[in-house]
Amino acid sequence: MQLKTSEMSKVYDKLRFKTKQSDHLYARLKVADNLIIRIKVSHGKKNIDSFIIQKILKQMKLKYEELSLIKSCQKGFDYYINIVKNRY
């Protein structure tokens, strides 16, 4: 399982994460001014290997199949928020 860094950037945008670049890419999601998700990802590589993808999924509180639905534009922000609320 591999993803490109550009694909993940599109996912962050679609899910309304605010991103900041420094030594790493930081993505944060706030709902009603409450920080609910924080992600830290190294940048610079074109492909993200499966070990790092698993870490990102854990931080995002997602399964790979759910990320695939979001990435392919079949699901969006509301779907993601419902997952996070129901799961945690």
N, C-alpha and C. Protein backbone atom coordinates (compact mmCIF):
# COMPACT_ATOMS: atom_id res chain seq x y z
N MET A 1 0.84 -1.17 0.00
CA MET A 1 0.00 0.00 0.00
C MET A 1 0.89 1.23 0.00
N GLN A 2 0.74 2.06 -1.01
CA GLN A 2 1.51 3.29 -1.09
C GLN A 2 0.61 4.45 -1.50
N LEU A 3 0.96 5.60 -1.01
CA LEU A 3 0.30 6.85 -1.38
C LEU A 3 1.36 7.86 -1.73
N LYS A 4 1.00 8.80 -2.55
CA LYS A 4 1.90 9.90 -2.86
C LYS A 4 1.63 11.05 -1.88
N THR A 5 2.66 11.83 -1.63
CA THR A 5 2.50 12.96 -0.72
C THR A 5 1.46 13.95 -1.27
N SER A 6 1.40 14.09 -2.58
CA SER A 6 0.41 15.00 -3.18
C SER A 6 -1.02 14.51 -2.95
N GLU A 7 -1.22 13.19 -2.95
CA GLU A 7 -2.55 12.63 -2.68
C GLU A 7 -2.97 12.93 -1.24
N MET A 8 -2.05 12.80 -0.32
CA MET A 8 -2.38 13.09 1.08
C MET A 8 -2.66 14.57 1.28
N SER A 9 -1.95 15.43 0.57
CA SER A 9 -2.21 16.87 0.67
C SER A 9 -3.63 17.19 0.22
N LYS A 10 -4.08 16.52 -0.83
CA LYS A 10 -5.46 16.72 -1.31
C LYS A 10 -6.47 16.22 -0.29
N VAL A 11 -6.16 15.11 0.37
CA VAL A 11 -7.05 14.59 1.41
C VAL A 11 -7.14 15.58 2.56
N TYR A 12 -6.00 16.13 2.99
CA TYR A 12 -6.02 17.12 4.07
C TYR A 12 -6.87 18.32 3.69
N ASP A 13 -6.75 18.79 2.45
CA ASP A 13 -7.55 19.93 2.00
C ASP A 13 -9.04 19.57 1.99
N LYS A 14 -9.36 18.40 1.48
CA LYS A 14 -10.75 17.97 1.40
C LYS A 14 -11.39 17.85 2.78
N LEU A 15 -10.60 17.44 3.76
CA LEU A 15 -11.12 17.26 5.11
C LEU A 15 -10.96 18.51 5.97
N ARG A 16 -10.58 19.62 5.34
CA ARG A 16 -10.50 20.94 5.98
C ARG A 16 -9.42 21.02 7.07
N PHE A 17 -8.36 20.25 6.91
CA PHE A 17 -7.22 20.37 7.81
C PHE A 17 -6.47 21.65 7.46
N LYS A 18 -5.98 22.34 8.45
CA LYS A 18 -5.10 23.49 8.26
C LYS A 18 -3.68 22.94 8.29
N THR A 19 -2.90 23.25 7.26
CA THR A 19 -1.55 22.70 7.19
C THR A 19 -0.51 23.80 7.35
N LYS A 20 0.63 23.39 7.88
CA LYS A 20 1.75 24.29 8.09
C LYS A 20 3.02 23.51 7.77
N GLN A 21 3.90 24.12 6.99
CA GLN A 21 5.13 23.44 6.64
C GLN A 21 6.30 24.06 7.38
N SER A 22 7.08 23.20 7.98
CA SER A 22 8.36 23.61 8.59
C SER A 22 9.30 22.44 8.36
N ASP A 23 9.94 21.92 9.39
CA ASP A 23 10.78 20.75 9.19
C ASP A 23 9.94 19.52 8.82
N HIS A 24 8.66 19.53 9.17
CA HIS A 24 7.69 18.51 8.80
C HIS A 24 6.42 19.22 8.33
N LEU A 25 5.49 18.45 7.80
CA LEU A 25 4.18 18.99 7.48
C LEU A 25 3.29 18.72 8.68
N TYR A 26 2.69 19.76 9.19
CA TYR A 26 1.76 19.64 10.31
C TYR A 26 0.36 19.93 9.80
N ALA A 27 -0.57 19.04 10.12
CA ALA A 27 -1.96 19.23 9.73
C ALA A 27 -2.81 19.17 11.00
N ARG A 28 -3.70 20.14 11.12
CA ARG A 28 -4.57 20.20 12.30
C ARG A 28 -6.01 20.38 11.85
N LEU A 29 -6.90 19.72 12.57
CA LEU A 29 -8.33 19.87 12.30
C LEU A 29 -9.00 20.34 13.57
N LYS A 30 -9.67 21.48 13.44
CA LYS A 30 -10.44 22.02 14.56
C LYS A 30 -11.91 22.03 14.17
N VAL A 31 -12.74 21.63 15.12
CA VAL A 31 -14.19 21.71 14.95
C VAL A 31 -14.72 22.48 16.14
N ALA A 32 -15.43 23.55 15.85
CA ALA A 32 -15.97 24.43 16.90
C ALA A 32 -14.85 24.89 17.83
N ASP A 33 -13.73 25.29 17.24
CA ASP A 33 -12.55 25.79 17.96
C ASP A 33 -11.91 24.77 18.89
N ASN A 34 -12.25 23.50 18.74
CA ASN A 34 -11.62 22.44 19.53
C ASN A 34 -10.71 21.63 18.61
N LEU A 35 -9.46 21.50 18.98
CA LEU A 35 -8.53 20.69 18.21
C LEU A 35 -8.88 19.22 18.41
N ILE A 36 -9.20 18.54 17.31
CA ILE A 36 -9.57 17.14 17.46
C ILE A 36 -8.55 16.19 16.83
N ILE A 37 -7.84 16.64 15.82
CA ILE A 37 -6.85 15.79 15.16
C ILE A 37 -5.59 16.61 14.89
N ARG A 38 -4.44 16.02 15.18
CA ARG A 38 -3.16 16.65 14.87
C ARG A 38 -2.28 15.59 14.22
N ILE A 39 -1.68 15.94 13.08
CA ILE A 39 -0.87 15.00 12.31
C ILE A 39 0.48 15.64 12.01
N LYS A 40 1.52 14.86 12.11
CA LYS A 40 2.88 15.29 11.76
C LYS A 40 3.42 14.31 10.73
N VAL A 41 3.83 14.84 9.57
CA VAL A 41 4.31 13.99 8.48
C VAL A 41 5.59 14.60 7.91
N SER A 42 6.57 13.75 7.69
CA SER A 42 7.77 14.22 7.00
C SER A 42 7.41 14.52 5.55
N HIS A 43 8.08 15.48 4.97
CA HIS A 43 7.84 15.75 3.56
C HIS A 43 9.14 15.59 2.79
N GLY A 44 9.04 15.62 1.50
CA GLY A 44 10.23 15.47 0.68
C GLY A 44 10.23 14.20 -0.15
N LYS A 45 9.58 13.15 0.33
CA LYS A 45 9.50 11.92 -0.44
C LYS A 45 8.27 11.98 -1.34
N LYS A 46 8.39 11.40 -2.51
CA LYS A 46 7.25 11.37 -3.42
C LYS A 46 6.23 10.32 -3.00
N ASN A 47 6.69 9.18 -2.52
CA ASN A 47 5.80 8.12 -2.07
C ASN A 47 5.92 7.94 -0.56
N ILE A 48 4.80 7.65 0.07
CA ILE A 48 4.77 7.38 1.50
C ILE A 48 4.69 5.86 1.65
N ASP A 49 5.61 5.27 2.38
CA ASP A 49 5.58 3.81 2.51
C ASP A 49 4.51 3.37 3.49
N SER A 50 4.25 2.06 3.51
CA SER A 50 3.12 1.52 4.26
C SER A 50 3.26 1.74 5.77
N PHE A 51 4.48 1.71 6.31
CA PHE A 51 4.67 1.94 7.73
C PHE A 51 4.19 3.34 8.13
N ILE A 52 4.56 4.33 7.34
CA ILE A 52 4.15 5.72 7.62
C ILE A 52 2.66 5.90 7.38
N ILE A 53 2.12 5.23 6.37
CA ILE A 53 0.67 5.31 6.12
C ILE A 53 -0.10 4.81 7.33
N GLN A 54 0.35 3.72 7.93
CA GLN A 54 -0.31 3.19 9.12
C GLN A 54 -0.27 4.20 10.26
N LYS A 55 0.85 4.90 10.42
CA LYS A 55 0.95 5.93 11.46
C LYS A 55 -0.03 7.07 11.19
N ILE A 56 -0.11 7.51 9.93
CA ILE A 56 -1.03 8.60 9.55
C ILE A 56 -2.48 8.17 9.80
N LEU A 57 -2.82 6.94 9.40
CA LEU A 57 -4.18 6.44 9.62
C LEU A 57 -4.52 6.43 11.10
N LYS A 58 -3.59 6.03 11.93
CA LYS A 58 -3.83 6.02 13.37
C LYS A 58 -4.06 7.44 13.88
N GLN A 59 -3.26 8.39 13.42
CA GLN A 59 -3.42 9.78 13.84
C GLN A 59 -4.76 10.34 13.36
N MET A 60 -5.17 9.94 12.15
CA MET A 60 -6.43 10.43 11.59
C MET A 60 -7.65 9.66 12.11
N LYS A 61 -7.40 8.56 12.83
CA LYS A 61 -8.47 7.71 13.35
C LYS A 61 -9.29 7.09 12.23
N LEU A 62 -8.59 6.61 11.20
CA LEU A 62 -9.23 6.02 10.03
C LEU A 62 -8.69 4.63 9.75
N LYS A 63 -9.45 3.87 8.97
CA LYS A 63 -8.99 2.62 8.39
C LYS A 63 -8.61 2.92 6.94
N TYR A 64 -7.80 2.04 6.36
CA TYR A 64 -7.33 2.31 4.99
C TYR A 64 -8.50 2.39 4.00
N GLU A 65 -9.50 1.54 4.17
CA GLU A 65 -10.65 1.54 3.25
C GLU A 65 -11.39 2.88 3.32
N GLU A 66 -11.48 3.45 4.52
CA GLU A 66 -12.15 4.75 4.68
C GLU A 66 -11.33 5.86 4.02
N LEU A 67 -10.02 5.79 4.18
CA LEU A 67 -9.16 6.77 3.51
C LEU A 67 -9.29 6.66 2.00
N SER A 68 -9.40 5.45 1.49
CA SER A 68 -9.56 5.25 0.04
C SER A 68 -10.84 5.89 -0.47
N LEU A 69 -11.93 5.77 0.28
CA LEU A 69 -13.19 6.40 -0.11
C LEU A 69 -13.07 7.91 -0.15
N ILE A 70 -12.39 8.47 0.83
CA ILE A 70 -12.20 9.92 0.89
C ILE A 70 -11.29 10.38 -0.25
N LYS A 71 -10.22 9.64 -0.46
CA LYS A 71 -9.25 9.99 -1.51
C LYS A 71 -9.89 9.95 -2.90
N SER A 72 -10.80 9.00 -3.13
CA SER A 72 -11.43 8.86 -4.44
C SER A 72 -12.64 9.76 -4.62
N CYS A 73 -12.86 10.68 -3.67
CA CYS A 73 -13.95 11.66 -3.72
C CYS A 73 -15.34 11.04 -3.56
N GLN A 74 -15.42 9.82 -3.06
CA GLN A 74 -16.72 9.22 -2.81
C GLN A 74 -17.30 9.70 -1.49
N LYS A 75 -16.45 10.08 -0.56
CA LYS A 75 -16.88 10.58 0.74
C LYS A 75 -16.09 11.84 1.07
N GLY A 76 -16.58 12.62 2.02
CA GLY A 76 -15.93 13.88 2.34
C GLY A 76 -15.89 14.20 3.81
N PHE A 77 -15.94 15.50 4.10
CA PHE A 77 -15.76 16.01 5.46
C PHE A 77 -16.79 15.47 6.44
N ASP A 78 -18.07 15.49 6.08
CA ASP A 78 -19.13 15.03 6.99
C ASP A 78 -18.95 13.55 7.34
N TYR A 79 -18.60 12.76 6.34
CA TYR A 79 -18.33 11.33 6.56
C TYR A 79 -17.19 11.16 7.56
N TYR A 80 -16.13 11.92 7.38
CA TYR A 80 -14.97 11.83 8.26
C TYR A 80 -15.32 12.23 9.70
N ILE A 81 -16.04 13.33 9.86
CA ILE A 81 -16.41 13.79 11.19
C ILE A 81 -17.29 12.76 11.89
N ASN A 82 -18.21 12.13 11.15
CA ASN A 82 -19.05 11.08 11.75
C ASN A 82 -18.22 9.90 12.22
N ILE A 83 -17.22 9.53 11.45
CA ILE A 83 -16.33 8.43 11.85
C ILE A 83 -15.62 8.78 13.14
N VAL A 84 -15.05 9.96 13.21
CA VAL A 84 -14.30 10.37 14.38
C VAL A 84 -15.21 10.44 15.62
N LYS A 85 -16.39 11.01 15.45
CA LYS A 85 -17.33 11.11 16.58
C LYS A 85 -17.80 9.74 17.06
N ASN A 86 -18.12 8.86 16.14
CA ASN A 86 -18.65 7.55 16.50
C ASN A 86 -17.59 6.59 17.03
N ARG A 87 -16.39 6.75 16.54
CA ARG A 87 -15.34 5.82 16.93
C ARG A 87 -14.66 6.20 18.22
N TYR A 88 -14.57 7.50 18.50
CA TYR A 88 -13.80 7.93 19.67
C TYR A 88 -14.61 8.83 20.53
